[in-house]
């Protein structure tokens, strides 16, 4: 059964033309890809990943242009991979 997405993601899809894809059970961040945060209800682009022994530090650019680094794994039950619209 396909997951349903919320109103905030639907609004971003309409505004930016994103196509959301469900994440695989073992999904990890990939540089250059766009993701939807189910927790923050906004999208981000992965800029870099620093792979450490225990945890990865992921630097992202949020939809508002703010750049941050975090070590939160993808939540396959709440997050989405976003495919940009093709022109």
Protein backbone atom coordinates (compact mmCIF):
# COMPACT_ATOMS: atom_id res chain seq x y z
CA UNK A 1 0.00 0.00 0.00
CA UNK A 2 1.34 3.41 -0.93
CA UNK A 3 1.90 5.97 1.79
CA UNK A 4 -0.09 9.16 1.75
CA UNK A 5 1.62 12.52 1.97
CA UNK A 6 0.53 15.50 3.99
CA UNK A 7 -0.76 18.91 3.06
CA UNK A 8 2.63 20.67 3.35
CA UNK A 9 4.27 18.23 0.93
CA UNK A 10 1.32 18.51 -1.44
CA UNK A 11 1.72 22.30 -1.41
CA UNK A 12 5.47 21.99 -2.19
CA UNK A 13 4.65 19.56 -5.01
CA UNK A 14 2.24 22.06 -6.53
CA UNK A 15 4.62 25.00 -6.13
CA UNK A 16 7.87 23.33 -7.29
CA UNK A 17 6.62 20.36 -9.32
CA UNK A 18 8.30 17.74 -7.15
CA UNK A 19 7.38 14.09 -7.49
CA UNK A 20 7.74 12.30 -4.13
CA UNK A 21 9.09 8.75 -3.96
CA UNK A 22 8.92 6.49 -0.96
CA UNK A 23 12.28 5.65 0.57
CA UNK A 24 13.55 2.08 0.62
CA UNK A 25 13.83 0.48 4.08
CA UNK A 26 17.62 0.93 4.14
CA UNK A 27 17.72 4.39 2.50
CA UNK A 28 20.59 6.73 3.27
CA UNK A 29 21.25 10.32 2.27
CA UNK A 30 22.98 10.90 -1.07
CA UNK A 31 24.80 14.09 -2.06
CA UNK A 32 22.88 16.20 -4.56
CA UNK A 33 19.49 14.66 -3.87
CA UNK A 34 16.41 16.42 -2.50
CA UNK A 35 14.47 15.08 0.47
CA UNK A 36 11.29 16.01 2.30
CA UNK A 37 11.57 16.09 6.08
CA UNK A 38 8.43 14.66 7.60
CA UNK A 39 9.46 16.14 10.96
CA UNK A 40 10.22 19.71 9.82
CA UNK A 41 7.70 19.66 6.94
CA UNK A 42 10.10 21.23 4.44
CA UNK A 43 12.57 20.09 1.82
CA UNK A 44 16.34 20.15 1.69
CA UNK A 45 19.21 19.33 -0.65
CA UNK A 46 22.17 17.29 0.59
CA UNK A 47 25.41 19.23 0.03
CA UNK A 48 27.92 16.91 1.68
CA UNK A 49 28.26 13.87 3.91
CA UNK A 50 31.12 13.37 6.35
CA UNK A 51 31.29 9.67 7.15
CA UNK A 52 32.50 8.99 10.68
CA UNK A 53 32.79 5.67 12.49
CA UNK A 54 29.51 5.88 14.36
CA UNK A 55 27.42 8.51 12.58
CA UNK A 56 27.30 10.52 9.36
CA UNK A 57 27.21 14.31 9.50
CA UNK A 58 25.02 15.56 6.67
CA UNK A 59 25.26 19.19 5.50
CA UNK A 60 22.08 20.36 3.83
CA UNK A 61 20.57 23.46 2.30
CA UNK A 62 16.98 23.94 3.41
CA UNK A 63 14.30 25.36 1.13
CA UNK A 64 14.77 28.78 2.74
CA UNK A 65 18.49 28.80 1.83
CA UNK A 66 19.74 28.12 5.36
CA UNK A 67 22.66 25.67 5.50
CA UNK A 68 22.97 23.36 8.50
CA UNK A 69 24.69 20.13 9.48
CA UNK A 70 22.92 17.32 11.28
CA UNK A 71 23.36 13.63 11.98
CA UNK A 72 19.75 12.51 11.77
CA UNK A 73 19.10 9.42 9.66
CA UNK A 74 16.28 9.34 7.16
CA UNK A 75 12.95 8.27 8.63
CA UNK A 76 11.55 5.96 5.95
CA UNK A 77 8.07 6.21 7.47
CA UNK A 78 7.92 10.02 7.33
CA UNK A 79 10.53 11.31 4.87
CA UNK A 80 10.45 11.26 1.06
CA UNK A 81 12.92 11.43 -1.79
CA UNK A 82 11.90 14.30 -4.09
CA UNK A 83 12.35 14.10 -7.83
CA UNK A 84 12.61 17.60 -9.35
CA UNK A 85 10.30 18.57 -12.17
CA UNK A 86 11.74 18.17 -15.63
CA UNK A 87 11.44 21.07 -18.02
